[in-house]
């Protein structure tokens, strides 16, 4: 995955990195215990042992903490470069399936999305995460256009949104676990649709929804 610096990270090692990991571990535990509604800077400070002033200075708010946590966890979903878009889509879909195969990861995204429906701070956190993640994943589509696999006016954001959408439907709406069959069928469908021009840019069309991305 292409390196991308989160709000609480100023260098890859040393005390700053250790502080960030301690804080993010505490955020994950707090979300497990009380969901987004119960997440406060003070509780994270108490659980992590990091002074609350440090949290406010580096993350500014609870939604900043959640966005950084999501970014950190997404690092375990590497962006592939297999040499073909079908291979990239299949590999990424399998990685997403493995990521959300863990019940704790499903509970995290369910908690934040549920909170986002009524809490503008939670909505900001999850929107920021997807707005950062989608362009990174879209590089796979850009490479595919250079190789001539897709129409040159294909919209990378639409392709990545289509790849992520079935997983989030399964997790957030159907409330069922994801599996390898979902990964395979999604990758196959998105590749066929993209090659057929289903995700080309339209100046008058609606913008893709970032919340549907991987």
C-alpha atoms as a PDB file:
ATOM      1  CA  UNK A   1       0.000   0.000   0.000  1.00  0.00           C
ATOM      2  CA  UNK A   2       1.278   3.437  -0.850  1.00  0.00           C
ATOM      3  CA  UNK A   3       2.497   5.243   2.247  1.00  0.00           C
ATOM      4  CA  UNK A   4       0.167   7.859   3.539  1.00  0.00           C
ATOM      5  CA  UNK A   5       0.634   9.753   6.733  1.00  0.00           C
ATOM      6  CA  UNK A   6      -2.174   9.813   9.226  1.00  0.00           C
ATOM      7  CA  UNK A   7      -2.969  12.712  11.551  1.00  0.00           C
ATOM      8  CA  UNK A   8      -1.122  11.234  14.519  1.00  0.00           C
ATOM      9  CA  UNK A   9       1.970  10.109  12.660  1.00  0.00           C
ATOM     10  CA  UNK A  10       4.967  12.330  11.956  1.00  0.00           C
ATOM     11  CA  UNK A  11       7.660   9.712  11.403  1.00  0.00           C
ATOM     12  CA  UNK A  12       7.597   5.921  10.879  1.00  0.00           C
ATOM     13  CA  UNK A  13       9.495   4.962  14.041  1.00  0.00           C
ATOM     14  CA  UNK A  14      10.444   6.101  17.514  1.00  0.00           C
ATOM     15  CA  UNK A  15       8.323   7.516  20.300  1.00  0.00           C
ATOM     16  CA  UNK A  16       5.766   9.105  17.981  1.00  0.00           C
ATOM     17  CA  UNK A  17       5.001   5.748  16.356  1.00  0.00           C
ATOM     18  CA  UNK A  18       4.743   4.008  19.724  1.00  0.00           C
ATOM     19  CA  UNK A  19       2.432   6.726  21.002  1.00  0.00           C
ATOM     20  CA  UNK A  20       0.232   6.413  17.930  1.00  0.00           C
ATOM     21  CA  UNK A  21      -0.053   2.647  18.252  1.00  0.00           C
ATOM     22  CA  UNK A  22      -0.903   2.878  21.958  1.00  0.00           C
ATOM     23  CA  UNK A  23      -3.587   5.461  21.239  1.00  0.00           C
ATOM     24  CA  UNK A  24      -5.105   3.577  18.306  1.00  0.00           C
ATOM     25  CA  UNK A  25      -5.206   0.348  20.315  1.00  0.00           C
ATOM     26  CA  UNK A  26      -7.081   2.242  23.029  1.00  0.00           C
ATOM     27  CA  UNK A  27      -9.502   3.707  20.455  1.00  0.00           C
ATOM     28  CA  UNK A  28     -10.264   0.228  19.109  1.00  0.00           C
ATOM     29  CA  UNK A  29     -10.912  -1.072  22.621  1.00  0.00           C
ATOM     30  CA  UNK A  30     -13.131   1.890  23.475  1.00  0.00           C
ATOM     31  CA  UNK A  31     -15.176   1.376  20.320  1.00  0.00           C
ATOM     32  CA  UNK A  32     -15.491  -2.306  21.200  1.00  0.00           C
ATOM     33  CA  UNK A  33     -16.758  -1.424  24.668  1.00  0.00           C
ATOM     34  CA  UNK A  34     -19.065   1.506  24.026  1.00  0.00           C
ATOM     35  CA  UNK A  35     -19.290   2.276  20.313  1.00  0.00           C
ATOM     36  CA  UNK A  36     -18.726   5.703  18.809  1.00  0.00           C
ATOM     37  CA  UNK A  37     -21.173   7.404  21.154  1.00  0.00           C
ATOM     38  CA  UNK A  38     -19.032   6.522  24.163  1.00  0.00           C
ATOM     39  CA  UNK A  39     -15.721   7.503  22.599  1.00  0.00           C
ATOM     40  CA  UNK A  40     -14.084  10.545  24.195  1.00  0.00           C
ATOM     41  CA  UNK A  41     -10.579  11.920  24.157  1.00  0.00           C
ATOM     42  CA  UNK A  42     -10.467  11.629  27.937  1.00  0.00           C
ATOM     43  CA  UNK A  43     -11.360   7.923  27.955  1.00  0.00           C
ATOM     44  CA  UNK A  44      -8.796   7.175  25.256  1.00  0.00           C
ATOM     45  CA  UNK A  45      -6.163   9.083  27.235  1.00  0.00           C
ATOM     46  CA  UNK A  46      -6.959   7.107  30.367  1.00  0.00           C
ATOM     47  CA  UNK A  47      -6.865   3.744  28.600  1.00  0.00           C
ATOM     48  CA  UNK A  48      -3.726   4.464  26.558  1.00  0.00           C
ATOM     49  CA  UNK A  49      -1.742   6.252  29.257  1.00  0.00           C
ATOM     50  CA  UNK A  50      -1.117   9.138  26.859  1.00  0.00           C
ATOM     51  CA  UNK A  51      -1.850  12.638  28.129  1.00  0.00           C
ATOM     52  CA  UNK A  52      -5.093  14.063  26.813  1.00  0.00           C
ATOM     53  CA  UNK A  53      -3.319  17.232  25.678  1.00  0.00           C
ATOM     54  CA  UNK A  54      -1.200  15.104  23.348  1.00  0.00           C
ATOM     55  CA  UNK A  55      -4.349  13.591  21.856  1.00  0.00           C
ATOM     56  CA  UNK A  56      -5.893  16.985  21.198  1.00  0.00           C
ATOM     57  CA  UNK A  57      -2.665  18.309  19.709  1.00  0.00           C
ATOM     58  CA  UNK A  58      -2.152  15.412  17.292  1.00  0.00           C
ATOM     59  CA  UNK A  59      -5.696  14.227  16.502  1.00  0.00           C
ATOM     60  CA  UNK A  60      -7.829  17.247  17.466  1.00  0.00           C
ATOM     61  CA  UNK A  61     -11.045  15.246  17.949  1.00  0.00           C
ATOM     62  CA  UNK A  62     -12.602  11.819  18.433  1.00  0.00           C
ATOM     63  CA  UNK A  63     -13.433  11.606  14.732  1.00  0.00           C
ATOM     64  CA  UNK A  64      -9.771  12.269  13.962  1.00  0.00           C
ATOM     65  CA  UNK A  65      -8.893   9.284  16.128  1.00  0.00           C
ATOM     66  CA  UNK A  66     -11.413   7.045  14.370  1.00  0.00           C
ATOM     67  CA  UNK A  67     -10.288   8.136  10.914  1.00  0.00           C
ATOM     68  CA  UNK A  68      -6.675   7.409  11.850  1.00  0.00           C
ATOM     69  CA  UNK A  69      -7.664   4.004  13.235  1.00  0.00           C
ATOM     70  CA  UNK A  70      -9.461   3.094  10.017  1.00  0.00           C
ATOM     71  CA  UNK A  71      -6.460   4.257   7.994  1.00  0.00           C
ATOM     72  CA  UNK A  72      -4.106   2.215  10.158  1.00  0.00           C
ATOM     73  CA  UNK A  73      -6.219  -0.918   9.889  1.00  0.00           C
ATOM     74  CA  UNK A  74      -6.602  -0.536   6.133  1.00  0.00           C
ATOM     75  CA  UNK A  75      -2.835  -0.959   5.879  1.00  0.00           C
ATOM     76  CA  UNK A  76      -3.471  -4.686   6.233  1.00  0.00           C
ATOM     77  CA  UNK A  77      -5.364  -4.534   2.916  1.00  0.00           C
ATOM     78  CA  UNK A  78      -2.465  -3.950   0.492  1.00  0.00           C
ATOM     79  CA  UNK A  79      -3.127  -2.544  -2.950  1.00  0.00           C
ATOM     80  CA  UNK A  80      -2.024  -5.200  -5.463  1.00  0.00           C
ATOM     81  CA  UNK A  81      -0.133  -4.866  -8.718  1.00  0.00           C
ATOM     82  CA  UNK A  82      -0.459  -8.212 -10.475  1.00  0.00           C
ATOM     83  CA  UNK A  83       0.015  -6.836 -13.976  1.00  0.00           C
ATOM     84  CA  UNK A  84      -3.647  -7.108 -15.005  1.00  0.00           C
ATOM     85  CA  UNK A  85      -6.791  -5.465 -13.716  1.00  0.00           C
ATOM     86  CA  UNK A  86      -8.699  -8.767 -13.328  1.00  0.00           C
ATOM     87  CA  UNK A  87      -5.847 -10.018 -11.165  1.00  0.00           C
ATOM     88  CA  UNK A  88      -5.748  -6.802  -9.153  1.00  0.00           C
ATOM     89  CA  UNK A  89      -9.509  -6.785  -8.585  1.00  0.00           C
ATOM     90  CA  UNK A  90      -9.550 -10.422  -7.514  1.00  0.00           C
ATOM     91  CA  UNK A  91      -6.595  -9.974  -5.157  1.00  0.00           C
ATOM     92  CA  UNK A  92      -8.025  -6.834  -3.580  1.00  0.00           C
ATOM     93  CA  UNK A  93     -11.480  -8.386  -3.202  1.00  0.00           C
ATOM     94  CA  UNK A  94      -9.967 -11.385  -1.434  1.00  0.00           C
ATOM     95  CA  UNK A  95      -8.034  -9.060   0.880  1.00  0.00           C
ATOM     96  CA  UNK A  96     -11.180  -7.107   1.722  1.00  0.00           C
ATOM     97  CA  UNK A  97     -12.982 -10.394   2.406  1.00  0.00           C
ATOM     98  CA  UNK A  98     -10.209 -11.526   4.748  1.00  0.00           C
ATOM     99  CA  UNK A  99     -10.181  -8.141   6.503  1.00  0.00           C
ATOM    100  CA  UNK A 100     -13.906  -8.181   7.217  1.00  0.00           C
ATOM    101  CA  UNK A 101     -13.814 -11.898   7.925  1.00  0.00           C
ATOM    102  CA  UNK A 102     -12.831 -10.875  11.444  1.00  0.00           C
ATOM    103  CA  UNK A 103     -15.903 -10.147  13.554  1.00  0.00           C
ATOM    104  CA  UNK A 104     -14.123  -7.304  15.333  1.00  0.00           C
ATOM    105  CA  UNK A 105     -13.518  -5.500  12.045  1.00  0.00           C
ATOM    106  CA  UNK A 106     -17.160  -5.878  11.094  1.00  0.00           C
ATOM    107  CA  UNK A 107     -18.234  -4.486  14.463  1.00  0.00           C
ATOM    108  CA  UNK A 108     -15.938  -1.492  13.977  1.00  0.00           C
ATOM    109  CA  UNK A 109     -17.337  -0.455  10.613  1.00  0.00           C
ATOM    110  CA  UNK A 110     -20.898  -1.188  11.770  1.00  0.00           C
ATOM    111  CA  UNK A 111     -20.434   1.021  14.828  1.00  0.00           C
ATOM    112  CA  UNK A 112     -18.985   3.952  12.905  1.00  0.00           C
ATOM    113  CA  UNK A 113     -21.516   3.786  10.059  1.00  0.00           C
ATOM    114  CA  UNK A 114     -24.391   3.488  12.524  1.00  0.00           C
ATOM    115  CA  UNK A 115     -23.127   6.514  14.420  1.00  0.00           C
ATOM    116  CA  UNK A 116     -22.660   8.447  11.166  1.00  0.00           C
ATOM    117  CA  UNK A 117     -26.400   8.321  10.531  1.00  0.00           C
ATOM    118  CA  UNK A 118     -27.035  10.711  13.429  1.00  0.00           C
ATOM    119  CA  UNK A 119     -23.626  12.052  14.465  1.00  0.00           C
ATOM    120  CA  UNK A 120     -21.970  14.533  12.065  1.00  0.00           C
ATOM    121  CA  UNK A 121     -18.585  13.880  13.673  1.00  0.00           C
ATOM    122  CA  UNK A 122     -18.796  10.172  12.902  1.00  0.00           C
ATOM    123  CA  UNK A 123     -19.974  11.006   9.390  1.00  0.00           C
ATOM    124  CA  UNK A 124     -16.927  13.215   8.914  1.00  0.00           C
ATOM    125  CA  UNK A 125     -14.598  10.469  10.131  1.00  0.00           C
ATOM    126  CA  UNK A 126     -15.863   7.800   7.768  1.00  0.00           C
ATOM    127  CA  UNK A 127     -16.172  10.174   4.810  1.00  0.00           C
ATOM    128  CA  UNK A 128     -12.582  11.314   5.306  1.00  0.00           C
ATOM    129  CA  UNK A 129     -11.377   7.730   5.438  1.00  0.00           C
ATOM    130  CA  UNK A 130     -13.021   6.754   2.153  1.00  0.00           C
ATOM    131  CA  UNK A 131     -12.022   9.999   0.447  1.00  0.00           C
ATOM    132  CA  UNK A 132      -8.407   9.147   1.267  1.00  0.00           C
ATOM    133  CA  UNK A 133      -8.620   5.441   0.458  1.00  0.00           C
ATOM    134  CA  UNK A 134     -10.464   5.528  -2.876  1.00  0.00           C
ATOM    135  CA  UNK A 135      -7.849   7.510  -4.856  1.00  0.00           C
ATOM    136  CA  UNK A 136      -5.130   5.143  -3.659  1.00  0.00           C
ATOM    137  CA  UNK A 137      -7.093   2.085  -4.795  1.00  0.00           C
ATOM    138  CA  UNK A 138      -7.964   3.871  -8.034  1.00  0.00           C
ATOM    139  CA  UNK A 139      -4.356   3.667  -9.156  1.00  0.00           C
ATOM    140  CA  UNK A 140      -5.064   0.086 -10.189  1.00  0.00           C
ATOM    141  CA  UNK A 141      -7.636   1.400 -12.651  1.00  0.00           C
ATOM    142  CA  UNK A 142      -5.291   4.096 -13.922  1.00  0.00           C
ATOM    143  CA  UNK A 143      -2.650   1.449 -14.667  1.00  0.00           C
ATOM    144  CA  UNK A 144      -5.284  -0.619 -16.459  1.00  0.00           C
ATOM    145  CA  UNK A 145      -6.189   2.314 -18.699  1.00  0.00           C
ATOM    146  CA  UNK A 146      -2.530   2.817 -19.586  1.00  0.00           C
ATOM    147  CA  UNK A 147      -2.309  -0.883 -20.531  1.00  0.00           C
ATOM    148  CA  UNK A 148      -5.403  -0.522 -22.728  1.00  0.00           C
ATOM    149  CA  UNK A 149      -7.561  -2.863 -20.640  1.00  0.00           C
ATOM    150  CA  UNK A 150     -10.299  -0.274 -20.072  1.00  0.00           C
ATOM    151  CA  UNK A 151     -11.865   2.651 -21.935  1.00  0.00           C
ATOM    152  CA  UNK A 152      -9.641   5.713 -21.468  1.00  0.00           C
ATOM    153  CA  UNK A 153     -12.438   7.716 -19.803  1.00  0.00           C
ATOM    154  CA  UNK A 154     -13.087   5.139 -17.075  1.00  0.00           C
ATOM    155  CA  UNK A 155     -13.665   6.697 -13.654  1.00  0.00           C
ATOM    156  CA  UNK A 156     -11.419   4.942 -11.087  1.00  0.00           C
ATOM    157  CA  UNK A 157     -13.640   6.021  -8.197  1.00  0.00           C
ATOM    158  CA  UNK A 158     -16.699   4.394  -9.747  1.00  0.00           C
ATOM    159  CA  UNK A 159     -14.824   1.136 -10.317  1.00  0.00           C
ATOM    160  CA  UNK A 160     -13.515   1.023  -6.746  1.00  0.00           C
ATOM    161  CA  UNK A 161     -16.929   1.953  -5.355  1.00  0.00           C
ATOM    162  CA  UNK A 162     -18.480  -0.924  -7.296  1.00  0.00           C
ATOM    163  CA  UNK A 163     -15.881  -3.318  -5.906  1.00  0.00           C
ATOM    164  CA  UNK A 164     -16.506  -2.285  -2.305  1.00  0.00           C
ATOM    165  CA  UNK A 165     -20.294  -1.946  -2.412  1.00  0.00           C
ATOM    166  CA  UNK A 166     -21.240  -5.659  -2.169  1.00  0.00           C
ATOM    167  CA  UNK A 167     -19.073  -6.093   0.911  1.00  0.00           C
ATOM    168  CA  UNK A 168     -20.672  -3.163   2.698  1.00  0.00           C
ATOM    169  CA  UNK A 169     -24.146  -4.317   1.696  1.00  0.00           C
ATOM    170  CA  UNK A 170     -23.398  -7.750   3.146  1.00  0.00           C
ATOM    171  CA  UNK A 171     -21.938  -6.320   6.367  1.00  0.00           C
ATOM    172  CA  UNK A 172     -24.191  -3.317   7.008  1.00  0.00           C
ATOM    173  CA  UNK A 173     -27.531  -4.267   5.456  1.00  0.00           C
ATOM    174  CA  UNK A 174     -27.749  -8.058   5.280  1.00  0.00           C
ATOM    175  CA  UNK A 175     -25.679  -8.367   8.490  1.00  0.00           C
ATOM    176  CA  UNK A 176     -24.016 -11.529   7.262  1.00  0.00           C
ATOM    177  CA  UNK A 177     -20.344 -12.525   7.109  1.00  0.00           C
ATOM    178  CA  UNK A 178     -18.382 -12.034   3.906  1.00  0.00           C
ATOM    179  CA  UNK A 179     -16.753 -14.994   2.166  1.00  0.00           C
ATOM    180  CA  UNK A 180     -14.510 -15.972  -0.734  1.00  0.00           C
ATOM    181  CA  UNK A 181     -17.476 -16.537  -3.050  1.00  0.00           C
ATOM    182  CA  UNK A 182     -18.523 -12.912  -2.593  1.00  0.00           C
ATOM    183  CA  UNK A 183     -14.976 -11.775  -3.352  1.00  0.00           C
ATOM    184  CA  UNK A 184     -14.773 -13.834  -6.548  1.00  0.00           C
ATOM    185  CA  UNK A 185     -18.202 -12.894  -7.871  1.00  0.00           C
ATOM    186  CA  UNK A 186     -17.674  -9.207  -7.129  1.00  0.00           C
ATOM    187  CA  UNK A 187     -14.289  -9.066  -8.835  1.00  0.00           C
ATOM    188  CA  UNK A 188     -15.643 -10.890 -11.888  1.00  0.00           C
ATOM    189  CA  UNK A 189     -18.684  -8.626 -12.181  1.00  0.00           C
ATOM    190  CA  UNK A 190     -16.731  -5.391 -11.743  1.00  0.00           C
ATOM    191  CA  UNK A 191     -14.141  -6.420 -14.335  1.00  0.00           C
ATOM    192  CA  UNK A 192     -16.844  -7.276 -16.878  1.00  0.00           C
ATOM    193  CA  UNK A 193     -18.716  -4.035 -16.267  1.00  0.00           C
ATOM    194  CA  UNK A 194     -15.583  -1.872 -16.358  1.00  0.00           C
ATOM    195  CA  UNK A 195     -14.387  -3.449 -19.607  1.00  0.00           C
ATOM    196  CA  UNK A 196     -17.831  -2.834 -21.125  1.00  0.00           C
ATOM    197  CA  UNK A 197     -17.634   0.883 -20.252  1.00  0.00           C
ATOM    198  CA  UNK A 198     -20.128   0.904 -17.392  1.00  0.00           C
ATOM    199  CA  UNK A 199     -17.962   3.208 -15.286  1.00  0.00           C
ATOM    200  CA  UNK A 200     -16.981   5.864 -17.783  1.00  0.00           C
ATOM    201  CA  UNK A 201     -17.123   9.491 -16.732  1.00  0.00           C
ATOM    202  CA  UNK A 202     -20.263  11.482 -17.526  1.00  0.00           C
ATOM    203  CA  UNK A 203     -20.115  15.226 -16.973  1.00  0.00           C
ATOM    204  CA  UNK A 204     -23.856  15.436 -16.288  1.00  0.00           C
ATOM    205  CA  UNK A 205     -24.049  12.279 -14.181  1.00  0.00           C
ATOM    206  CA  UNK A 206     -24.060  12.046 -10.402  1.00  0.00           C
ATOM    207  CA  UNK A 207     -20.808  11.792  -8.539  1.00  0.00           C
ATOM    208  CA  UNK A 208     -19.866   8.396  -7.163  1.00  0.00           C
ATOM    209  CA  UNK A 209     -20.543   7.870  -3.490  1.00  0.00           C
ATOM    210  CA  UNK A 210     -17.215   7.648  -1.619  1.00  0.00           C
ATOM    211  CA  UNK A 211     -18.861   5.677   1.175  1.00  0.00           C
ATOM    212  CA  UNK A 212     -19.246   2.709  -1.161  1.00  0.00           C
ATOM    213  CA  UNK A 213     -15.524   2.236  -1.706  1.00  0.00           C
ATOM    214  CA  UNK A 214     -13.114  -0.313  -0.278  1.00  0.00           C
END
